[in-house]
Amino acid sequence: IFDYYLLIYKFCFKVLHTMVADVVYKIKGLHALNAVMENIKIDRSGMVNINAISRASTYLRKNKLVLIFPEGKLEEKPGKLEDFANSYAFLSISENKKITPIFIEGKYGFFKRAHYMIGEPILPTANANPSEEEIEALNDKVRDKILTLKNKLKQAKKYSTKKVFTSKLWFMDFMKITSIPIFYLIFPTKKYFIGDKKKIKK
């Protein structure tokens, strides 16, 4: 959830229509918030999310931004990148829209700072009816790019100056320290894990 808010903070002057898991919608407050943000509900029952993909296509055709977390769930092992669902690749090819890869190192404790790195946009060859091979090839390309960003961020952090307080990030620190307790009071959340680990392609 905090990855989502981090990106809202980064793109604060743009509206992000985000694909959000159905478990989040079980919390009344978050359900209302997602409705206001016009986010896209993803059904995790194993069914093909035709309605979600159709809605995302509509947003893209209006030149709006669609935010997709391709792993689609919490990581099983900290620091390990999970397999990517490839609906985002299908949308990119079929709607002729670029993909901007972002790697997030989500550390959200009181005395930790989350880091992210944004890569160059990837524009695939347009095809209204992409083949499985085209979709998988783009999926692999994006995943490799995310891994490259992860390694670049790791290297960059080796040479960064660590400070407990820094004027550059004071606002982020203030928002984090004040909002995290309030967030959990208003929206008491739990961690959900998909036990069957079904691989949903589209």
C-alpha atoms as a PDB file:
ATOM      1  CA  ILE A   1       0.000   0.000   0.000  1.00  0.00           C
ATOM      2  CA  PHE A   2       2.795   2.435   0.858  1.00  0.00           C
ATOM      3  CA  ASP A   3       4.460   1.849  -2.533  1.00  0.00           C
ATOM      4  CA  TYR A   4       1.283   3.273  -4.054  1.00  0.00           C
ATOM      5  CA  TYR A   5       1.394   6.389  -1.863  1.00  0.00           C
ATOM      6  CA  LEU A   6       5.091   6.859  -2.564  1.00  0.00           C
ATOM      7  CA  LEU A   7       4.360   7.041  -6.295  1.00  0.00           C
ATOM      8  CA  ILE A   8       1.421   9.401  -5.734  1.00  0.00           C
ATOM      9  CA  TYR A   9       3.889  11.655  -3.906  1.00  0.00           C
ATOM     10  CA  LYS A  10       6.385  11.389  -6.776  1.00  0.00           C
ATOM     11  CA  PHE A  11       3.782  12.119  -9.473  1.00  0.00           C
ATOM     12  CA  CYS A  12       1.831  14.567  -7.321  1.00  0.00           C
ATOM     13  CA  PHE A  13       0.588  16.651 -10.263  1.00  0.00           C
ATOM     14  CA  LYS A  14      -0.725  13.653 -12.204  1.00  0.00           C
ATOM     15  CA  VAL A  15      -3.577  11.207 -11.606  1.00  0.00           C
ATOM     16  CA  LEU A  16      -2.492   7.560 -11.423  1.00  0.00           C
ATOM     17  CA  HIS A  17      -5.195   5.000 -12.204  1.00  0.00           C
ATOM     18  CA  THR A  18      -3.826   1.989 -10.367  1.00  0.00           C
ATOM     19  CA  MET A  19      -4.629  -1.723 -10.593  1.00  0.00           C
ATOM     20  CA  VAL A  20      -5.514  -2.651  -7.004  1.00  0.00           C
ATOM     21  CA  ALA A  21      -6.098  -6.122  -5.521  1.00  0.00           C
ATOM     22  CA  ASP A  22      -9.643  -6.959  -4.450  1.00  0.00           C
ATOM     23  CA  VAL A  23      -8.545  -7.564  -0.822  1.00  0.00           C
ATOM     24  CA  VAL A  24      -7.897  -3.833  -0.440  1.00  0.00           C
ATOM     25  CA  TYR A  25     -11.503  -3.120  -1.383  1.00  0.00           C
ATOM     26  CA  LYS A  26     -12.691  -5.112   1.650  1.00  0.00           C
ATOM     27  CA  ILE A  27     -11.685  -2.152   3.834  1.00  0.00           C
ATOM     28  CA  LYS A  28     -14.477   0.430   3.619  1.00  0.00           C
ATOM     29  CA  GLY A  29     -12.285   3.512   3.841  1.00  0.00           C
ATOM     30  CA  LEU A  30      -9.827   2.253   1.252  1.00  0.00           C
ATOM     31  CA  HIS A  31     -12.703   1.130  -0.972  1.00  0.00           C
ATOM     32  CA  ALA A  32     -14.005   4.710  -0.995  1.00  0.00           C
ATOM     33  CA  LEU A  33     -10.524   6.140  -1.582  1.00  0.00           C
ATOM     34  CA  ASN A  34      -9.940   3.856  -4.569  1.00  0.00           C
ATOM     35  CA  ALA A  35     -13.297   4.879  -6.002  1.00  0.00           C
ATOM     36  CA  VAL A  36     -12.361   8.553  -5.746  1.00  0.00           C
ATOM     37  CA  MET A  37      -9.007   7.873  -7.437  1.00  0.00           C
ATOM     38  CA  GLU A  38     -10.830   5.866 -10.152  1.00  0.00           C
ATOM     39  CA  ASN A  39      -8.545   2.908  -9.632  1.00  0.00           C
ATOM     40  CA  ILE A  40      -8.976  -0.504 -11.250  1.00  0.00           C
ATOM     41  CA  LYS A  41     -10.083  -3.473  -9.153  1.00  0.00           C
ATOM     42  CA  ILE A  42      -8.265  -6.761  -9.807  1.00  0.00           C
ATOM     43  CA  ASP A  43     -10.061 -10.038  -9.009  1.00  0.00           C
ATOM     44  CA  ARG A  44      -7.669 -12.593  -7.510  1.00  0.00           C
ATOM     45  CA  SER A  45      -9.983 -15.577  -7.836  1.00  0.00           C
ATOM     46  CA  GLY A  46      -8.036 -16.857 -10.841  1.00  0.00           C
ATOM     47  CA  MET A  47     -10.519 -15.554 -13.406  1.00  0.00           C
ATOM     48  CA  VAL A  48      -9.306 -13.495 -16.356  1.00  0.00           C
ATOM     49  CA  ASN A  49      -9.704  -9.810 -15.465  1.00  0.00           C
ATOM     50  CA  ILE A  50     -11.373  -8.755 -18.700  1.00  0.00           C
ATOM     51  CA  ASN A  51     -13.191  -5.800 -17.131  1.00  0.00           C
ATOM     52  CA  ALA A  52     -10.007  -4.496 -15.530  1.00  0.00           C
ATOM     53  CA  ILE A  53      -8.031  -4.734 -18.782  1.00  0.00           C
ATOM     54  CA  SER A  54     -10.873  -3.073 -20.685  1.00  0.00           C
ATOM     55  CA  ARG A  55     -10.994  -0.222 -18.187  1.00  0.00           C
ATOM     56  CA  ALA A  56      -7.220   0.212 -18.325  1.00  0.00           C
ATOM     57  CA  SER A  57      -7.424   0.321 -22.136  1.00  0.00           C
ATOM     58  CA  THR A  58     -10.029   3.071 -21.908  1.00  0.00           C
ATOM     59  CA  TYR A  59      -7.776   5.164 -19.674  1.00  0.00           C
ATOM     60  CA  LEU A  60      -4.784   4.667 -21.980  1.00  0.00           C
ATOM     61  CA  ARG A  61      -6.786   5.712 -25.042  1.00  0.00           C
ATOM     62  CA  LYS A  62      -7.554   8.946 -23.193  1.00  0.00           C
ATOM     63  CA  ASN A  63      -3.801   9.404 -22.596  1.00  0.00           C
ATOM     64  CA  LYS A  64      -4.170   8.841 -18.877  1.00  0.00           C
ATOM     65  CA  LEU A  65      -1.590   7.076 -16.712  1.00  0.00           C
ATOM     66  CA  VAL A  66      -2.131   3.501 -15.550  1.00  0.00           C
ATOM     67  CA  LEU A  67       0.010   2.226 -12.678  1.00  0.00           C
ATOM     68  CA  ILE A  68       0.548  -1.542 -12.528  1.00  0.00           C
ATOM     69  CA  PHE A  69       2.554  -3.561  -9.999  1.00  0.00           C
ATOM     70  CA  PRO A  70       3.487  -6.522 -12.221  1.00  0.00           C
ATOM     71  CA  GLU A  71       4.455  -8.860  -9.365  1.00  0.00           C
ATOM     72  CA  GLY A  72       0.866  -8.579  -8.177  1.00  0.00           C
ATOM     73  CA  LYS A  73       1.523  -9.744  -4.604  1.00  0.00           C
ATOM     74  CA  LEU A  74       3.861  -9.526  -1.649  1.00  0.00           C
ATOM     75  CA  GLU A  75       7.294 -10.987  -2.240  1.00  0.00           C
ATOM     76  CA  GLU A  76       7.900 -14.417  -0.745  1.00  0.00           C
ATOM     77  CA  LYS A  77      11.560 -13.720  -0.026  1.00  0.00           C
ATOM     78  CA  PRO A  78      12.713 -10.184   0.881  1.00  0.00           C
ATOM     79  CA  GLY A  79      14.653  -8.641  -1.968  1.00  0.00           C
ATOM     80  CA  LYS A  80      13.699 -11.303  -4.529  1.00  0.00           C
ATOM     81  CA  LEU A  81      11.861 -10.128  -7.613  1.00  0.00           C
ATOM     82  CA  GLU A  82       8.821 -12.328  -8.268  1.00  0.00           C
ATOM     83  CA  ASP A  83       7.523 -13.401 -11.678  1.00  0.00           C
ATOM     84  CA  PHE A  84       5.626 -10.717 -13.565  1.00  0.00           C
ATOM     85  CA  ALA A  85       2.035 -11.098 -14.697  1.00  0.00           C
ATOM     86  CA  ASN A  86       2.002  -9.879 -18.286  1.00  0.00           C
ATOM     87  CA  SER A  87      -1.255  -7.947 -18.637  1.00  0.00           C
ATOM     88  CA  TYR A  88       0.721  -4.688 -18.630  1.00  0.00           C
ATOM     89  CA  ALA A  89       2.766  -5.926 -21.622  1.00  0.00           C
ATOM     90  CA  PHE A  90      -0.435  -6.815 -23.499  1.00  0.00           C
ATOM     91  CA  LEU A  91      -1.851  -3.352 -22.796  1.00  0.00           C
ATOM     92  CA  SER A  92       1.339  -1.606 -23.890  1.00  0.00           C
ATOM     93  CA  ILE A  93       1.523  -3.417 -27.234  1.00  0.00           C
ATOM     94  CA  SER A  94      -2.175  -3.380 -28.077  1.00  0.00           C
ATOM     95  CA  GLU A  95      -2.658   0.297 -27.132  1.00  0.00           C
ATOM     96  CA  ASN A  96       0.751   1.446 -28.457  1.00  0.00           C
ATOM     97  CA  LYS A  97       1.737   3.026 -25.140  1.00  0.00           C
ATOM     98  CA  LYS A  98       5.155   3.276 -23.571  1.00  0.00           C
ATOM     99  CA  ILE A  99       6.104   1.599 -20.295  1.00  0.00           C
ATOM    100  CA  THR A 100       8.096   3.564 -17.717  1.00  0.00           C
ATOM    101  CA  PRO A 101       9.841   1.007 -15.453  1.00  0.00           C
ATOM    102  CA  ILE A 102      10.252   1.898 -11.777  1.00  0.00           C
ATOM    103  CA  PHE A 103      12.072  -0.059  -9.078  1.00  0.00           C
ATOM    104  CA  ILE A 104      11.043   0.645  -5.474  1.00  0.00           C
ATOM    105  CA  GLU A 105      12.999  -0.363  -2.399  1.00  0.00           C
ATOM    106  CA  GLY A 106      10.093  -0.060   0.005  1.00  0.00           C
ATOM    107  CA  LYS A 107      11.460   0.613   3.467  1.00  0.00           C
ATOM    108  CA  TYR A 108       8.815   2.483   5.420  1.00  0.00           C
ATOM    109  CA  GLY A 109       9.886   2.286   9.081  1.00  0.00           C
ATOM    110  CA  PHE A 110      10.087   5.453  11.192  1.00  0.00           C
ATOM    111  CA  PHE A 111      13.850   5.662  10.769  1.00  0.00           C
ATOM    112  CA  LYS A 112      14.080   4.254   7.253  1.00  0.00           C
ATOM    113  CA  ARG A 113      13.632   5.867   3.880  1.00  0.00           C
ATOM    114  CA  ALA A 114      12.171   4.241   0.794  1.00  0.00           C
ATOM    115  CA  HIS A 115      14.223   4.596  -2.394  1.00  0.00           C
ATOM    116  CA  TYR A 116      13.203   4.287  -6.006  1.00  0.00           C
ATOM    117  CA  MET A 117      14.807   4.521  -9.419  1.00  0.00           C
ATOM    118  CA  ILE A 118      13.013   5.368 -12.665  1.00  0.00           C
ATOM    119  CA  GLY A 119      14.234   4.005 -15.991  1.00  0.00           C
ATOM    120  CA  GLU A 120      13.930   5.224 -19.555  1.00  0.00           C
ATOM    121  CA  PRO A 121      10.518   4.600 -21.182  1.00  0.00           C
ATOM    122  CA  ILE A 122      10.136   1.474 -23.319  1.00  0.00           C
ATOM    123  CA  LEU A 123       7.955   1.717 -26.421  1.00  0.00           C
ATOM    124  CA  PRO A 124       7.149  -1.630 -28.048  1.00  0.00           C
ATOM    125  CA  THR A 125       6.051  -2.233 -31.623  1.00  0.00           C
ATOM    126  CA  ALA A 126       2.306  -1.631 -31.806  1.00  0.00           C
ATOM    127  CA  ASN A 127       0.007  -4.562 -32.576  1.00  0.00           C
ATOM    128  CA  ALA A 128      -3.727  -4.579 -31.891  1.00  0.00           C
ATOM    129  CA  ASN A 129      -3.646  -8.378 -31.483  1.00  0.00           C
ATOM    130  CA  PRO A 130      -0.234  -9.231 -29.996  1.00  0.00           C
ATOM    131  CA  SER A 131       0.949 -12.827 -29.952  1.00  0.00           C
ATOM    132  CA  GLU A 132       2.020 -14.715 -26.831  1.00  0.00           C
ATOM    133  CA  GLU A 133       5.622 -14.481 -28.041  1.00  0.00           C
ATOM    134  CA  GLU A 134       5.464 -10.682 -28.378  1.00  0.00           C
ATOM    135  CA  ILE A 135       3.912 -10.326 -24.932  1.00  0.00           C
ATOM    136  CA  GLU A 136       6.453 -12.614 -23.265  1.00  0.00           C
ATOM    137  CA  ALA A 137       9.369 -10.897 -25.045  1.00  0.00           C
ATOM    138  CA  LEU A 138       8.277  -7.485 -23.748  1.00  0.00           C
ATOM    139  CA  ASN A 139       7.624  -8.922 -20.291  1.00  0.00           C
ATOM    140  CA  ASP A 140      11.176 -10.325 -20.172  1.00  0.00           C
ATOM    141  CA  LYS A 141      12.619  -7.031 -21.421  1.00  0.00           C
ATOM    142  CA  VAL A 142      10.838  -5.002 -18.737  1.00  0.00           C
ATOM    143  CA  ARG A 143      11.778  -7.451 -15.976  1.00  0.00           C
ATOM    144  CA  ASP A 144      15.430  -7.283 -17.038  1.00  0.00           C
ATOM    145  CA  LYS A 145      15.223  -3.487 -16.974  1.00  0.00           C
ATOM    146  CA  ILE A 146      13.755  -3.549 -13.455  1.00  0.00           C
ATOM    147  CA  LEU A 147      16.608  -5.817 -12.308  1.00  0.00           C
ATOM    148  CA  THR A 148      19.097  -3.377 -13.853  1.00  0.00           C
ATOM    149  CA  LEU A 149      17.470  -0.490 -11.961  1.00  0.00           C
ATOM    150  CA  LYS A 150      17.631  -2.537  -8.769  1.00  0.00           C
ATOM    151  CA  ASN A 151      21.370  -3.085  -9.207  1.00  0.00           C
ATOM    152  CA  LYS A 152      21.964   0.577 -10.100  1.00  0.00           C
ATOM    153  CA  LEU A 153      20.137   1.688  -6.965  1.00  0.00           C
ATOM    154  CA  LYS A 154      22.183  -0.717  -4.865  1.00  0.00           C
ATOM    155  CA  GLN A 155      25.405   0.737  -6.300  1.00  0.00           C
ATOM    156  CA  ALA A 156      24.197   4.331  -5.873  1.00  0.00           C
ATOM    157  CA  LYS A 157      23.412   3.756  -2.206  1.00  0.00           C
ATOM    158  CA  LYS A 158      26.993   2.650  -1.565  1.00  0.00           C
ATOM    159  CA  TYR A 159      28.185   6.158  -2.340  1.00  0.00           C
ATOM    160  CA  SER A 160      25.335   8.122  -0.806  1.00  0.00           C
ATOM    161  CA  THR A 161      25.813  10.150   2.372  1.00  0.00           C
ATOM    162  CA  LYS A 162      23.624   8.823   5.150  1.00  0.00           C
ATOM    163  CA  LYS A 163      21.975  11.459   7.302  1.00  0.00           C
ATOM    164  CA  VAL A 164      19.365  11.131  10.019  1.00  0.00           C
ATOM    165  CA  PHE A 165      17.956  14.526   9.081  1.00  0.00           C
ATOM    166  CA  THR A 166      18.256  16.210   5.715  1.00  0.00           C
ATOM    167  CA  SER A 167      16.479  19.338   4.496  1.00  0.00           C
ATOM    168  CA  LYS A 168      15.920  17.777   1.066  1.00  0.00           C
ATOM    169  CA  LEU A 169      13.685  15.051   2.496  1.00  0.00           C
ATOM    170  CA  TRP A 170      12.250  16.830   5.541  1.00  0.00           C
ATOM    171  CA  PHE A 171       8.739  16.937   4.092  1.00  0.00           C
ATOM    172  CA  MET A 172       8.781  13.212   3.255  1.00  0.00           C
ATOM    173  CA  ASP A 173      10.058  12.383   6.740  1.00  0.00           C
ATOM    174  CA  PHE A 174       7.407  14.571   8.353  1.00  0.00           C
ATOM    175  CA  MET A 175       4.597  13.029   6.308  1.00  0.00           C
ATOM    176  CA  LYS A 176       5.822   9.523   7.047  1.00  0.00           C
ATOM    177  CA  ILE A 177       6.154   9.976  10.816  1.00  0.00           C
ATOM    178  CA  THR A 178       2.780  11.696  11.159  1.00  0.00           C
ATOM    179  CA  SER A 179       0.748   9.747   8.630  1.00  0.00           C
ATOM    180  CA  ILE A 180       1.705   6.123   9.324  1.00  0.00           C
ATOM    181  CA  PRO A 181       0.043   5.960  12.800  1.00  0.00           C
ATOM    182  CA  ILE A 182      -3.016   7.847  11.531  1.00  0.00           C
ATOM    183  CA  PHE A 183      -3.246   5.609   8.478  1.00  0.00           C
ATOM    184  CA  TYR A 184      -3.360   2.433  10.557  1.00  0.00           C
ATOM    185  CA  LEU A 185      -5.908   3.938  12.937  1.00  0.00           C
ATOM    186  CA  ILE A 186      -8.255   4.920  10.108  1.00  0.00           C
ATOM    187  CA  PHE A 187      -7.516   1.964   7.815  1.00  0.00           C
ATOM    188  CA  PRO A 188      -6.522  -1.052   9.941  1.00  0.00           C
ATOM    189  CA  THR A 189      -4.951  -3.350   7.359  1.00  0.00           C
ATOM    190  CA  LYS A 190      -3.683  -6.912   7.271  1.00  0.00           C
ATOM    191  CA  LYS A 191      -1.168  -8.613   5.035  1.00  0.00           C
ATOM    192  CA  TYR A 192      -2.840 -10.944   2.575  1.00  0.00           C
ATOM    193  CA  PHE A 193      -1.010 -13.716   0.766  1.00  0.00           C
ATOM    194  CA  ILE A 194      -2.314 -15.745  -2.138  1.00  0.00           C
ATOM    195  CA  GLY A 195      -1.759 -19.306  -1.003  1.00  0.00           C
ATOM    196  CA  ASP A 196      -2.441 -21.100  -4.271  1.00  0.00           C
ATOM    197  CA  LYS A 197       0.178 -18.960  -6.099  1.00  0.00           C
ATOM    198  CA  LYS A 198      -1.659 -19.388  -9.396  1.00  0.00           C
ATOM    199  CA  LYS A 199       0.110 -17.768 -12.294  1.00  0.00           C
ATOM    200  CA  ILE A 200      -2.371 -15.481 -14.016  1.00  0.00           C
ATOM    201  CA  LYS A 201      -1.195 -14.587 -17.495  1.00  0.00           C
ATOM    202  CA  LYS A 202      -3.757 -12.000 -18.534  1.00  0.00           C
END
